[in-house]
Structure formats: C-alpha cells, structure tokens
C-alpha atoms as a PDB file:
ATOM      1  CA  MET A   1       0.000   0.000   0.000  1.00  0.00           C
ATOM      2  CA  LYS A   2       1.904   2.999  -1.311  1.00  0.00           C
ATOM      3  CA  LYS A   3       0.670   6.332   0.022  1.00  0.00           C
ATOM      4  CA  HIS A   4       0.937   9.298  -2.320  1.00  0.00           C
ATOM      5  CA  ASP A   5       1.951  12.412  -0.390  1.00  0.00           C
ATOM      6  CA  LEU A   6       0.524  15.305  -2.427  1.00  0.00           C
ATOM      7  CA  HIS A   7       0.235  19.059  -1.826  1.00  0.00           C
ATOM      8  CA  GLY A   8      -3.262  18.925  -0.334  1.00  0.00           C
ATOM      9  CA  PHE A   9      -3.924  15.224   0.206  1.00  0.00           C
ATOM     10  CA  THR A  10      -2.515  11.849   1.141  1.00  0.00           C
ATOM     11  CA  THR A  11      -4.029   9.236  -1.164  1.00  0.00           C
ATOM     12  CA  TRP A  12      -3.793   5.443  -1.451  1.00  0.00           C
ATOM     13  CA  ARG A  13      -5.757   2.302  -2.306  1.00  0.00           C
ATOM     14  CA  ILE A  14      -6.819   0.144   0.611  1.00  0.00           C
ATOM     15  CA  ASP A  15      -6.786  -3.633   0.224  1.00  0.00           C
ATOM     16  CA  GLU A  16     -10.423  -4.144  -0.572  1.00  0.00           C
ATOM     17  CA  GLY A  17     -10.371  -1.997  -3.722  1.00  0.00           C
ATOM     18  CA  ILE A  18     -11.468   1.303  -2.220  1.00  0.00           C
ATOM     19  CA  ILE A  19      -9.401   4.406  -2.882  1.00  0.00           C
ATOM     20  CA  ARG A  20      -8.853   6.567   0.191  1.00  0.00           C
ATOM     21  CA  THR A  21      -7.808  10.196   0.357  1.00  0.00           C
ATOM     22  CA  GLU A  22      -7.286  12.416   3.377  1.00  0.00           C
ATOM     23  CA  VAL A  23      -7.124  16.191   3.358  1.00  0.00           C
ATOM     24  CA  LYS A  24      -3.873  17.497   4.836  1.00  0.00           C
ATOM     25  CA  PRO A  25      -4.050  19.833   7.839  1.00  0.00           C
ATOM     26  CA  ASP A  26      -4.113  23.617   7.481  1.00  0.00           C
ATOM     27  CA  ILE A  27      -4.377  23.649   3.683  1.00  0.00           C
ATOM     28  CA  GLU A  28      -6.934  25.403   1.510  1.00  0.00           C
ATOM     29  CA  ILE A  29      -7.880  23.002  -1.252  1.00  0.00           C
ATOM     30  CA  ILE A  30      -7.464  24.856  -4.552  1.00  0.00           C
ATOM     31  CA  LEU A  31      -8.063  23.726  -8.129  1.00  0.00           C
ATOM     32  CA  GLY A  32      -4.437  22.677  -8.655  1.00  0.00           C
ATOM     33  CA  TYR A  33      -4.554  20.382  -5.620  1.00  0.00           C
ATOM     34  CA  ALA A  34      -7.859  18.919  -6.825  1.00  0.00           C
ATOM     35  CA  ILE A  35      -6.391  18.154 -10.243  1.00  0.00           C
ATOM     36  CA  GLU A  36      -3.236  16.646  -8.731  1.00  0.00           C
ATOM     37  CA  ASN A  37      -5.244  14.374  -6.420  1.00  0.00           C
ATOM     38  CA  SER A  38      -7.672  13.321  -9.162  1.00  0.00           C
ATOM     39  CA  LEU A  39      -4.794  12.255 -11.422  1.00  0.00           C
ATOM     40  CA  ILE A  40      -3.368  10.041  -8.654  1.00  0.00           C
ATOM     41  CA  VAL A  41      -6.816   8.613  -7.851  1.00  0.00           C
ATOM     42  CA  ASN A  42      -7.342   7.648 -11.507  1.00  0.00           C
ATOM     43  CA  GLU A  43      -3.849   6.139 -11.620  1.00  0.00           C
ATOM     44  CA  LEU A  44      -4.714   4.000  -8.578  1.00  0.00           C
ATOM     45  CA  CYS A  45      -7.929   2.872 -10.269  1.00  0.00           C
ATOM     46  CA  ARG A  46      -6.006   1.396 -13.214  1.00  0.00           C
ATOM     47  CA  HIS A  47      -8.873   1.955 -15.666  1.00  0.00           C
ATOM     48  CA  ARG A  48     -11.452   0.189 -13.509  1.00  0.00           C
ATOM     49  CA  LYS A  49     -14.230   1.825 -11.539  1.00  0.00           C
ATOM     50  CA  HIS A  50     -13.540   2.164  -7.804  1.00  0.00           C
ATOM     51  CA  PRO A  51     -15.333   3.876  -4.906  1.00  0.00           C
ATOM     52  CA  LEU A  52     -13.580   6.715  -3.073  1.00  0.00           C
ATOM     53  CA  LEU A  53     -13.509   7.451   0.660  1.00  0.00           C
ATOM     54  CA  ILE A  54     -12.649  11.106   1.333  1.00  0.00           C
ATOM     55  CA  ASP A  55     -11.699  11.852   4.934  1.00  0.00           C
ATOM     56  CA  LEU A  56     -12.374  15.536   5.591  1.00  0.00           C
ATOM     57  CA  LYS A  57     -11.116  15.605   9.197  1.00  0.00           C
ATOM     58  CA  ASN A  58      -8.524  18.298   8.396  1.00  0.00           C
ATOM     59  CA  LEU A  59     -10.565  20.323   5.896  1.00  0.00           C
ATOM     60  CA  LYS A  60     -10.318  24.049   6.601  1.00  0.00           C
ATOM     61  CA  ALA A  61     -11.340  25.505   3.211  1.00  0.00           C
ATOM     62  CA  ILE A  62     -11.982  24.529  -0.408  1.00  0.00           C
ATOM     63  CA  THR A  63     -12.407  26.854  -3.362  1.00  0.00           C
ATOM     64  CA  PRO A  64     -15.555  26.713  -5.525  1.00  0.00           C
ATOM     65  CA  GLN A  65     -13.354  25.767  -8.502  1.00  0.00           C
ATOM     66  CA  ALA A  66     -11.923  22.761  -6.649  1.00  0.00           C
ATOM     67  CA  ARG A  67     -15.433  21.657  -5.580  1.00  0.00           C
ATOM     68  CA  ALA A  68     -16.661  21.898  -9.171  1.00  0.00           C
ATOM     69  CA  TYR A  69     -13.688  19.889 -10.435  1.00  0.00           C
ATOM     70  CA  PHE A  70     -14.223  17.142  -7.864  1.00  0.00           C
ATOM     71  CA  SER A  71     -17.827  16.680  -9.032  1.00  0.00           C
ATOM     72  CA  ALA A  72     -16.383  15.069 -12.222  1.00  0.00           C
ATOM     73  CA  ARG A  73     -19.255  16.485 -14.248  1.00  0.00           C
ATOM     74  CA  ASP A  74     -17.099  17.720 -17.136  1.00  0.00           C
ATOM     75  CA  ARG A  75     -14.346  15.113 -17.202  1.00  0.00           C
ATOM     76  CA  GLU A  76     -13.708  11.390 -17.183  1.00  0.00           C
ATOM     77  CA  SER A  77     -13.191   9.723 -13.827  1.00  0.00           C
ATOM     78  CA  ASP A  78     -12.677   6.149 -12.694  1.00  0.00           C
ATOM     79  CA  ILE A  79     -14.611   6.802  -9.468  1.00  0.00           C
ATOM     80  CA  ASN A  80     -18.072   5.259  -9.181  1.00  0.00           C
ATOM     81  CA  ALA A  81     -19.086   6.508  -5.685  1.00  0.00           C
ATOM     82  CA  PHE A  82     -17.990   9.145  -3.146  1.00  0.00           C
ATOM     83  CA  ALA A  83     -18.256   8.711   0.623  1.00  0.00           C
ATOM     84  CA  PHE A  84     -17.281  11.752   2.669  1.00  0.00           C
ATOM     85  CA  LEU A  85     -16.153  11.064   6.216  1.00  0.00           C
ATOM     86  CA  ILE A  86     -17.052  14.201   8.155  1.00  0.00           C
ATOM     87  CA  HIS A  87     -16.071  15.231  11.662  1.00  0.00           C
ATOM     88  CA  SER A  88     -17.651  18.650  12.164  1.00  0.00           C
ATOM     89  CA  ARG A  89     -20.657  20.787  11.393  1.00  0.00           C
ATOM     90  CA  PHE A  90     -18.553  22.842   8.953  1.00  0.00           C
ATOM     91  CA  GLN A  91     -17.602  19.686   7.029  1.00  0.00           C
ATOM     92  CA  ARG A  92     -21.265  18.645   6.877  1.00  0.00           C
ATOM     93  CA  ILE A  93     -22.104  22.038   5.376  1.00  0.00           C
ATOM     94  CA  VAL A  94     -19.303  21.742   2.797  1.00  0.00           C
ATOM     95  CA  GLY A  95     -20.414  18.191   1.938  1.00  0.00           C
ATOM     96  CA  ASN A  96     -24.030  19.229   1.516  1.00  0.00           C
ATOM     97  CA  ILE A  97     -23.025  22.191  -0.670  1.00  0.00           C
ATOM     98  CA  PHE A  98     -20.975  19.827  -2.820  1.00  0.00           C
ATOM     99  CA  ILE A  99     -23.890  17.424  -3.234  1.00  0.00           C
ATOM    100  CA  GLN A 100     -26.611  20.039  -3.769  1.00  0.00           C
ATOM    101  CA  PHE A 101     -24.803  22.578  -5.923  1.00  0.00           C
ATOM    102  CA  ASN A 102     -22.037  20.660  -7.683  1.00  0.00           C
ATOM    103  CA  LYS A 103     -24.256  17.619  -8.269  1.00  0.00           C
ATOM    104  CA  PRO A 104     -21.590  14.914  -8.577  1.00  0.00           C
ATOM    105  CA  ARG A 105     -22.336  12.415 -11.316  1.00  0.00           C
ATOM    106  CA  VAL A 106     -21.842   9.384  -9.054  1.00  0.00           C
ATOM    107  CA  PRO A 107     -23.649   8.301  -5.871  1.00  0.00           C
ATOM    108  CA  THR A 108     -22.439  10.467  -2.982  1.00  0.00           C
ATOM    109  CA  ARG A 109     -23.103  10.297   0.777  1.00  0.00           C
ATOM    110  CA  LEU A 110     -21.855  11.865   3.991  1.00  0.00           C
ATOM    111  CA  PHE A 111     -20.876   9.691   6.964  1.00  0.00           C
ATOM    112  CA  ASN A 112     -19.844  10.320  10.568  1.00  0.00           C
ATOM    113  CA  ASN A 113     -18.667   6.719  10.982  1.00  0.00           C
ATOM    114  CA  GLU A 114     -15.835   5.241   8.903  1.00  0.00           C
ATOM    115  CA  GLU A 115     -17.049   1.641   9.088  1.00  0.00           C
ATOM    116  CA  GLU A 116     -20.516   2.663   7.853  1.00  0.00           C
ATOM    117  CA  ALA A 117     -18.900   4.547   4.972  1.00  0.00           C
ATOM    118  CA  LEU A 118     -16.800   1.501   4.054  1.00  0.00           C
ATOM    119  CA  VAL A 119     -19.827  -0.813   4.184  1.00  0.00           C
ATOM    120  CA  TRP A 120     -21.691   1.502   1.801  1.00  0.00           C
ATOM    121  CA  LEU A 121     -18.678   1.826  -0.538  1.00  0.00           C
ATOM    122  CA  ARG A 122     -18.176  -1.950  -0.685  1.00  0.00           C
ATOM    123  CA  GLY A 123     -21.453  -2.078  -2.596  1.00  0.00           C
ATOM    124  CA  TYR A 124     -19.686  -0.208  -5.425  1.00  0.00           C
ATOM    125  CA  ILE A 125     -16.595  -2.410  -5.687  1.00  0.00           C
ATOM    126  CA  THR A 126     -16.596  -3.872  -9.168  1.00  0.00           C
ATOM    127  CA  ARG A 127     -14.456  -6.363 -10.985  1.00  0.00           C
ATOM    128  CA  GLU A 128     -15.771  -5.107 -14.328  1.00  0.00           C
ATOM    129  CA  PRO A 129     -13.648  -3.078 -16.744  1.00  0.00           C
ATOM    130  CA  HIS A 130     -13.929   0.710 -16.918  1.00  0.00           C
ATOM    131  CA  THR A 131     -17.285   1.975 -18.209  1.00  0.00           C
ATOM    132  CA  HIS A 132     -18.569   5.415 -19.057  1.00  0.00           C
ATOM    133  CA  SER A 133     -22.032   5.156 -17.533  1.00  0.00           C
ATOM    134  CA  VAL A 134     -23.426   7.987 -15.447  1.00  0.00           C
ATOM    135  CA  THR A 135     -25.435   7.272 -12.307  1.00  0.00           C
ATOM    136  CA  GLY A 136     -27.557   9.418 -10.061  1.00  0.00           C
ATOM    137  CA  VAL A 137     -26.693  10.871  -6.690  1.00  0.00           C
ATOM    138  CA  ARG A 138     -27.899   9.195  -3.489  1.00  0.00           C
ATOM    139  CA  ASN A 139     -28.291  11.282  -0.391  1.00  0.00           C
END
C-alpha cells in the first residue's frame, strides 16, 4: 500500500479496492490540488471503476473551482461513488453544498462513521472493466 503524499492530500488504495484520500491539515484546497489528487486517484484505479472514501477531518477551506472539479461532471473519472467522512458541522455544510450545488455524477453520501462509509462503498466495488455510464446521486 503505497501512500501518495501530495500538496493537499494523502491518497492510497486500501486492500479491498477502495481508494482513500485524506485532506492534509491547514491547507486550503485549490483547483491545482484537486487536479493533482484526481490524477493520482485515476492512476490507482487502473482503468477500472472504484469507490472513493474522502476523509475531511482536516478540511479548513476549499475553493468553488476545486469543488466543481471534484464533481467530475465535465471530465472522465474512474470513481463510481464518493463517501465523505465528516467530523464537524462545517464539514457537513461543505459536503451538503458539494452534493446540492455541484451535483456529482456518481452516488455520494456523507458519513460520521468510517465503518458505515466503508460498508456503503463496498457495494460499489466492481471487478468489471472501466465503463462510461453515469449514475444518479444518493443522499
């Protein structure tokens, strides 16, 4: 399990096929950091669809441009579901803004409990090759 130490995130694939990314402390997530992380996430996917667990415990700020980019609405992505692990009221607000206004093109949910998030994401683990289908958002 190689961890990728990026400007705004630490990102890796956990054994069961879920990609995990954690926001670094005291960093504002800007578009460049979003692009950098997304490239690593897609590299870890290896052209197969994978769910993504995003741990927001250190999130202080994120620009609207970075939020829009993460929604994957205007670009290809190998992610088939987002689970946000939130730890504060502020993170819940950011997560809800992301879901309501950026309308990610894959199922997306907020969780306070990591195990519950992983259980939900396991339902999106696939052994099938990369596809280009678009699914709705679950709240």
